[in-house]
Amino acid sequence: MTQSHASTAAGAARSQWIAFALMAAFLAIAPLAGVYPIFLMKVMCFALFACAFNLLIGFGGLLSFGHAMFLGTAGYASAHAAKAWGFTPELAILFATACAALLGLVTGLLAIRRQGIYFAMITLALAQMIYFFYLQAPFTGGEDGIQAVPRGRLLGLVSLDSAATMYPLVLAIFLGGFLLIWRVVHSPFGHVLKAIRENEARATSLGYDTDRYKLVAYILSATLAGLAGGTKALVFQLASLTDVYWTMSGEVVLMTLLGGLGTLFGPVVGAAIIVTMQNYLAQIGAWVTVVQGLIFVVCVMAFRRGVVGELAHWLKKPL
């Protein structure tokens, strides 16, 4: 690596660390400034979900139309473990994450055999199968879902019944998941993944087992999506069919594209925009989807690279 390339890489890393510090500081201070903690926790859960999805499509080039199955599966697993089995919150979230990882392994072995639109349609079909299973399964509560999920006591010591005690846990989970994705993207594995995204045939010719790399990326994305889903179920004390329905898979695509595909912070910004619109436009009822669509069209036309992508292009620094 030449000196100019080294200095460029160091500058990019420095700008990303500054952005991360600003994001972490804002999330830590926002509740003290009067921002509703439940709203912020919802943003963080969906931001982690979008970041997990972006790891697959933005850096691996794999478009999944069925990522809601991991969010929803983890939500049901976390809620059932906490309510029926009396798991502590940390064990419930870990169990939910493991369930999502296992589902990612099973579905990944089936879906990864195809590419492009065929891969996307297989993931959609699998997600719909999972949705109808949860609709009929007795432990999910059907259309009512699993309600009144107890948050429990963290490590058996700290009660998470109040938003003030739940918030630091959600913040730690989000920042930890984000840093893990950051590390993966900048690791040798991440560089190979990006090479596969750019030119899979060339990566294969260099001796890389591309299917294995894509499968690992798929499972990792599913695992982190499950981490978000398991946490979200405890935050809202509810696991429902909404999180496993195909529209949720569409929403995470929207979040990622709106924020900036293939950027680290783009999915976070995209999730914040979508959740904010849903929160403040809820009074207009079904028209919220129409407004969302119009805003998305405007953003796509004005910000072809997404909000963060355009900002990074303007600053000439990767974000």
Protein backbone atom coordinates (compact mmCIF):
# COMPACT_ATOMS: atom_id res chain seq x y z
CA MET A 1 0.00 0.00 0.00
CA THR A 2 1.41 3.39 -0.99
CA GLN A 3 1.71 6.28 1.43
CA SER A 4 -1.18 8.15 -0.24
CA HIS A 5 -3.43 5.09 -0.01
CA ALA A 6 -2.48 4.59 3.62
CA SER A 7 -3.27 8.21 4.47
CA THR A 8 -6.59 7.97 2.61
CA ALA A 9 -7.55 4.82 4.53
CA ALA A 10 -6.55 6.44 7.82
CA GLY A 11 -8.63 9.51 7.00
CA ALA A 12 -11.64 7.38 6.13
CA ALA A 13 -11.32 5.41 9.37
CA ARG A 14 -11.00 8.64 11.35
CA SER A 15 -14.14 10.12 9.78
CA GLN A 16 -16.08 6.93 10.52
CA TRP A 17 -14.94 6.92 14.14
CA ILE A 18 -16.04 10.54 14.49
CA ALA A 19 -19.44 9.70 12.98
CA PHE A 20 -19.78 6.72 15.32
CA ALA A 21 -18.87 8.84 18.36
CA LEU A 22 -21.43 11.48 17.39
CA MET A 23 -24.11 8.82 16.87
CA ALA A 24 -23.36 7.14 20.21
CA ALA A 25 -23.29 10.48 22.03
CA PHE A 26 -26.62 11.54 20.52
CA LEU A 27 -28.31 8.26 21.46
CA ALA A 28 -26.91 8.46 24.99
CA ILE A 29 -27.97 12.08 25.56
CA ALA A 30 -31.28 12.15 23.65
CA PRO A 31 -33.46 10.68 26.46
CA LEU A 32 -32.05 13.29 28.83
CA ALA A 33 -33.05 15.99 26.34
CA GLY A 34 -36.68 14.86 26.40
CA VAL A 35 -36.81 12.47 23.43
CA TYR A 36 -39.21 9.59 24.12
CA PRO A 37 -37.06 6.52 25.07
CA ILE A 38 -39.51 3.98 23.56
CA PHE A 39 -39.30 5.81 20.23
CA LEU A 40 -35.50 5.79 20.36
CA MET A 41 -35.43 2.08 21.24
CA LYS A 42 -37.68 1.35 18.27
CA VAL A 43 -35.33 3.30 16.02
CA MET A 44 -32.32 1.36 17.32
CA CYS A 45 -33.99 -2.03 16.86
CA PHE A 46 -34.93 -1.25 13.27
CA ALA A 47 -31.55 0.37 12.63
CA LEU A 48 -29.79 -2.83 13.69
CA PHE A 49 -32.19 -4.82 11.50
CA ALA A 50 -31.43 -2.56 8.52
CA CYS A 51 -27.68 -2.74 9.16
CA ALA A 52 -27.90 -6.54 9.19
CA PHE A 53 -29.80 -6.49 5.90
CA ASN A 54 -27.30 -4.03 4.42
CA LEU A 55 -24.45 -6.41 5.28
CA LEU A 56 -26.05 -8.92 2.94
CA ILE A 57 -27.12 -6.70 0.05
CA GLY A 58 -24.83 -3.71 0.36
CA PHE A 59 -21.60 -5.62 0.83
CA GLY A 60 -22.51 -9.09 -0.45
CA GLY A 61 -24.75 -8.13 -3.34
CA LEU A 62 -27.52 -10.54 -2.25
CA LEU A 63 -31.05 -9.13 -2.30
CA SER A 64 -33.33 -10.90 0.16
CA PHE A 65 -37.09 -10.36 0.10
CA GLY A 66 -37.59 -12.52 3.18
CA HIS A 67 -35.52 -10.97 5.95
CA ALA A 68 -38.63 -10.43 8.07
CA MET A 69 -38.63 -14.14 8.88
CA PHE A 70 -35.51 -13.66 11.02
CA LEU A 71 -36.85 -10.59 12.81
CA GLY A 72 -40.21 -12.27 13.45
CA THR A 73 -38.78 -15.66 14.42
CA ALA A 74 -36.49 -14.08 16.98
CA GLY A 75 -39.37 -12.00 18.31
CA TYR A 76 -41.52 -15.08 18.89
CA ALA A 77 -38.61 -17.02 20.37
CA SER A 78 -37.69 -14.23 22.78
CA ALA A 79 -41.29 -13.59 23.83
CA HIS A 80 -42.12 -17.27 24.32
CA ALA A 81 -38.91 -17.96 26.24
CA ALA A 82 -39.47 -15.01 28.56
CA LYS A 83 -43.20 -15.57 29.14
CA ALA A 84 -43.62 -19.36 29.05
CA TRP A 85 -40.23 -20.55 30.25
CA GLY A 86 -39.28 -17.68 32.54
CA PHE A 87 -35.97 -16.90 30.82
CA THR A 88 -34.11 -13.82 32.01
CA PRO A 89 -33.93 -11.06 29.34
CA GLU A 90 -30.34 -11.75 28.35
CA LEU A 91 -31.04 -15.48 27.93
CA ALA A 92 -34.25 -14.78 26.01
CA ILE A 93 -32.40 -12.51 23.58
CA LEU A 94 -29.54 -15.00 23.17
CA PHE A 95 -32.01 -17.82 22.57
CA ALA A 96 -33.86 -15.71 19.99
CA THR A 97 -30.60 -14.84 18.24
CA ALA A 98 -29.61 -18.50 18.11
CA CYS A 99 -33.00 -19.43 16.62
CA ALA A 100 -32.56 -16.81 13.90
CA ALA A 101 -29.04 -18.08 13.19
CA LEU A 102 -30.31 -21.65 12.86
CA LEU A 103 -33.09 -20.52 10.54
CA GLY A 104 -30.49 -18.60 8.55
CA LEU A 105 -28.40 -21.74 8.17
CA VAL A 106 -31.34 -23.86 7.00
CA THR A 107 -32.80 -21.32 4.59
CA GLY A 108 -29.36 -20.21 3.44
CA LEU A 109 -28.41 -23.72 2.34
CA LEU A 110 -31.49 -23.68 0.12
CA ALA A 111 -31.42 -20.10 -1.16
CA ILE A 112 -27.71 -19.64 -1.74
CA ARG A 113 -27.77 -22.13 -4.62
CA ARG A 114 -29.36 -19.45 -6.82
CA GLN A 115 -28.39 -15.90 -7.76
CA GLY A 116 -30.08 -12.61 -8.57
CA ILE A 117 -33.85 -12.49 -8.75
CA TYR A 118 -34.07 -16.26 -8.21
CA PHE A 119 -32.33 -15.89 -4.84
CA ALA A 120 -34.69 -13.05 -3.92
CA MET A 121 -37.79 -15.02 -4.86
CA ILE A 122 -36.65 -18.11 -2.95
CA THR A 123 -36.15 -16.03 0.21
CA LEU A 124 -39.62 -14.51 -0.28
CA ALA A 125 -41.19 -17.96 -0.68
CA LEU A 126 -39.42 -19.27 2.42
CA ALA A 127 -40.49 -16.23 4.42
CA GLN A 128 -44.12 -16.74 3.41
CA MET A 129 -43.93 -20.38 4.51
CA ILE A 130 -42.60 -19.22 7.88
CA TYR A 131 -45.37 -16.62 8.12
CA PHE A 132 -48.15 -19.16 7.57
CA PHE A 133 -46.50 -21.53 10.05
CA TYR A 134 -46.58 -18.84 12.75
CA LEU A 135 -50.15 -17.97 11.81
CA GLN A 136 -51.23 -21.55 12.62
CA ALA A 137 -48.77 -22.50 15.39
CA PRO A 138 -50.44 -22.63 18.83
CA PHE A 139 -47.58 -21.04 20.77
CA THR A 140 -47.64 -17.80 18.72
CA GLY A 141 -51.16 -16.78 19.61
CA GLY A 142 -52.16 -16.48 15.97
CA GLU A 143 -53.33 -13.01 14.98
CA ASP A 144 -53.25 -11.88 18.62
CA GLY A 145 -49.56 -12.63 19.00
CA ILE A 146 -47.77 -13.09 22.30
CA GLN A 147 -48.78 -10.19 24.53
CA ALA A 148 -47.74 -8.93 27.95
CA VAL A 149 -44.21 -10.32 27.59
CA PRO A 150 -42.31 -9.77 30.86
CA ARG A 151 -39.03 -7.92 30.52
CA GLY A 152 -37.69 -9.59 33.63
CA ARG A 153 -34.53 -8.75 35.52
CA LEU A 154 -31.20 -8.41 33.75
CA LEU A 155 -28.77 -11.02 35.14
CA GLY A 156 -31.41 -11.60 37.81
CA LEU A 157 -30.54 -8.26 39.41
CA VAL A 158 -31.77 -5.20 37.50
CA SER A 159 -35.48 -4.88 36.72
CA LEU A 160 -36.15 -3.78 33.13
CA ASP A 161 -39.78 -2.82 33.72
CA SER A 162 -39.09 0.88 33.22
CA ALA A 163 -37.85 2.50 30.00
CA ALA A 164 -35.01 4.13 31.96
CA THR A 165 -33.47 0.74 32.77
CA MET A 166 -34.33 -0.91 29.44
CA TYR A 167 -32.81 1.87 27.35
CA PRO A 168 -29.12 1.30 28.26
CA LEU A 169 -29.44 -2.40 27.38
CA VAL A 170 -30.93 -1.64 23.96
CA LEU A 171 -28.27 1.01 23.35
CA ALA A 172 -25.49 -1.43 24.24
CA ILE A 173 -26.96 -4.12 21.97
CA PHE A 174 -27.30 -1.71 19.05
CA LEU A 175 -23.80 -0.25 19.39
CA GLY A 176 -22.31 -3.72 19.85
CA GLY A 177 -24.09 -5.05 16.77
CA PHE A 178 -23.07 -2.00 14.74
CA LEU A 179 -19.41 -2.38 15.75
CA LEU A 180 -19.50 -6.07 14.84
CA ILE A 181 -20.79 -5.23 11.36
CA TRP A 182 -18.13 -2.52 11.07
CA ARG A 183 -15.43 -5.04 11.97
CA VAL A 184 -16.76 -7.62 9.51
CA VAL A 185 -16.90 -5.10 6.66
CA HIS A 186 -13.29 -4.05 7.20
CA SER A 187 -11.96 -7.58 7.76
CA PRO A 188 -10.40 -9.80 5.06
CA PHE A 189 -13.73 -11.63 4.95
CA GLY A 190 -15.49 -8.35 4.21
CA HIS A 191 -13.07 -7.51 1.42
CA VAL A 192 -13.66 -10.90 -0.20
CA LEU A 193 -17.41 -10.38 0.17
CA LYS A 194 -17.16 -7.05 -1.66
CA ALA A 195 -15.07 -8.69 -4.36
CA ILE A 196 -17.81 -11.30 -4.83
CA ARG A 197 -20.36 -8.51 -5.08
CA GLU A 198 -18.35 -6.74 -7.78
CA ASN A 199 -17.35 -9.78 -9.84
CA GLU A 200 -18.17 -13.25 -8.55
CA ALA A 201 -16.60 -15.03 -11.52
CA ARG A 202 -13.27 -13.31 -10.91
CA ALA A 203 -13.42 -14.10 -7.19
CA THR A 204 -14.02 -17.75 -8.08
CA SER A 205 -11.08 -17.73 -10.49
CA LEU A 206 -8.86 -16.48 -7.64
CA GLY A 207 -9.70 -19.61 -5.67
CA TYR A 208 -12.38 -18.35 -3.28
CA ASP A 209 -15.33 -20.59 -2.45
CA THR A 210 -17.92 -17.91 -3.15
CA ASP A 211 -20.90 -19.99 -2.03
CA ARG A 212 -19.32 -20.51 1.37
CA TYR A 213 -18.63 -16.80 1.79
CA LYS A 214 -22.17 -15.90 0.78
CA LEU A 215 -23.62 -18.49 3.15
CA VAL A 216 -21.59 -17.14 6.07
CA ALA A 217 -22.69 -13.59 5.22
CA TYR A 218 -26.31 -14.75 5.01
CA ILE A 219 -26.15 -16.49 8.40
CA LEU A 220 -24.42 -13.52 10.01
CA SER A 221 -27.05 -11.17 8.60
CA ALA A 222 -29.82 -13.45 9.87
CA THR A 223 -28.20 -13.64 13.31
CA LEU A 224 -27.98 -9.86 13.69
CA ALA A 225 -31.53 -9.45 12.39
CA GLY A 226 -32.57 -11.96 15.05
CA LEU A 227 -30.73 -9.95 17.70
CA ALA A 228 -32.80 -6.94 16.69
CA GLY A 229 -36.04 -8.94 16.68
CA GLY A 230 -35.44 -10.55 20.07
CA THR A 231 -34.66 -7.18 21.61
CA LYS A 232 -37.67 -5.51 20.01
CA ALA A 233 -40.05 -8.12 21.44
CA LEU A 234 -38.89 -7.30 24.96
CA VAL A 235 -38.98 -3.55 24.39
CA PHE A 236 -42.62 -3.59 23.25
CA GLN A 237 -43.51 -6.70 25.29
CA LEU A 238 -45.16 -8.08 22.18
CA ALA A 239 -44.42 -10.53 19.37
CA SER A 240 -46.84 -10.40 16.44
CA LEU A 241 -47.31 -11.42 12.83
CA THR A 242 -46.46 -7.88 11.71
CA ASP A 243 -42.75 -8.54 12.17
CA VAL A 244 -42.78 -11.68 10.02
CA TYR A 245 -45.08 -10.44 7.25
CA TRP A 246 -43.64 -9.70 3.79
CA THR A 247 -44.26 -5.94 4.16
CA MET A 248 -41.59 -5.86 6.88
CA SER A 249 -39.10 -7.27 4.38
CA GLY A 250 -40.10 -4.44 2.06
CA GLU A 251 -39.65 -1.84 4.79
CA VAL A 252 -36.08 -2.89 5.52
CA VAL A 253 -35.26 -2.62 1.81
CA LEU A 254 -36.72 0.89 1.87
CA MET A 255 -34.71 1.85 4.96
CA THR A 256 -31.47 0.65 3.40
CA LEU A 257 -31.99 2.32 0.03
CA LEU A 258 -33.18 5.56 1.60
CA GLY A 259 -30.18 5.82 3.91
CA GLY A 260 -27.55 4.61 1.47
CA LEU A 261 -26.89 1.14 0.13
CA GLY A 262 -23.41 -0.17 0.93
CA THR A 263 -22.69 2.49 3.55
CA LEU A 264 -22.20 1.81 7.25
CA PHE A 265 -24.38 4.59 8.63
CA GLY A 266 -26.94 4.72 5.82
CA PRO A 267 -29.27 2.04 7.23
CA VAL A 268 -29.28 3.80 10.61
CA VAL A 269 -30.36 7.08 9.02
CA GLY A 270 -32.88 5.31 6.77
CA ALA A 271 -34.42 3.47 9.73
CA ALA A 272 -34.63 6.71 11.71
CA ILE A 273 -36.42 8.45 8.82
CA ILE A 274 -38.94 5.64 8.28
CA VAL A 275 -39.71 5.13 11.99
CA THR A 276 -40.07 8.90 12.48
CA MET A 277 -42.50 9.14 9.57
CA GLN A 278 -44.54 6.20 10.89
CA ASN A 279 -44.62 7.76 14.35
CA TYR A 280 -45.58 11.30 13.39
CA LEU A 281 -47.80 10.48 10.42
CA ALA A 282 -49.79 7.76 12.21
CA GLN A 283 -52.80 10.08 12.58
CA ILE A 284 -53.43 10.06 8.83
CA GLY A 285 -54.09 6.30 8.92
CA ALA A 286 -53.58 4.24 5.77
CA TRP A 287 -52.37 7.31 3.89
CA VAL A 288 -49.04 7.01 5.70
CA THR A 289 -47.90 4.44 3.14
CA VAL A 290 -48.77 6.83 0.30
CA VAL A 291 -46.81 9.63 1.95
CA GLN A 292 -43.91 7.24 2.54
CA GLY A 293 -43.94 6.30 -1.12
CA LEU A 294 -43.92 9.94 -2.26
CA ILE A 295 -41.05 10.81 0.08
CA PHE A 296 -39.15 7.76 -1.11
CA VAL A 297 -39.58 8.77 -4.76
CA VAL A 298 -38.38 12.29 -4.01
CA CYS A 299 -35.36 11.00 -2.07
CA VAL A 300 -34.43 8.53 -4.80
CA MET A 301 -34.59 11.28 -7.41
CA ALA A 302 -32.69 13.81 -5.28
CA PHE A 303 -30.31 11.41 -3.52
CA ARG A 304 -29.41 8.63 -5.93
CA ARG A 305 -26.88 7.18 -3.47
CA GLY A 306 -29.16 7.59 -0.47
CA VAL A 307 -28.93 10.30 2.17
CA VAL A 308 -25.64 9.14 3.69
CA GLY A 309 -24.28 8.04 0.31
CA GLU A 310 -24.76 11.53 -1.12
CA LEU A 311 -23.26 13.10 2.00
CA ALA A 312 -20.22 10.82 1.77
CA HIS A 313 -19.85 11.63 -1.94
CA TRP A 314 -20.00 15.35 -1.18
CA LEU A 315 -17.44 15.04 1.63
CA LYS A 316 -15.33 12.59 -0.40
CA LYS A 317 -15.18 10.33 2.67
CA PRO A 318 -16.78 6.86 3.00
CA LEU A 319 -19.48 6.67 5.68
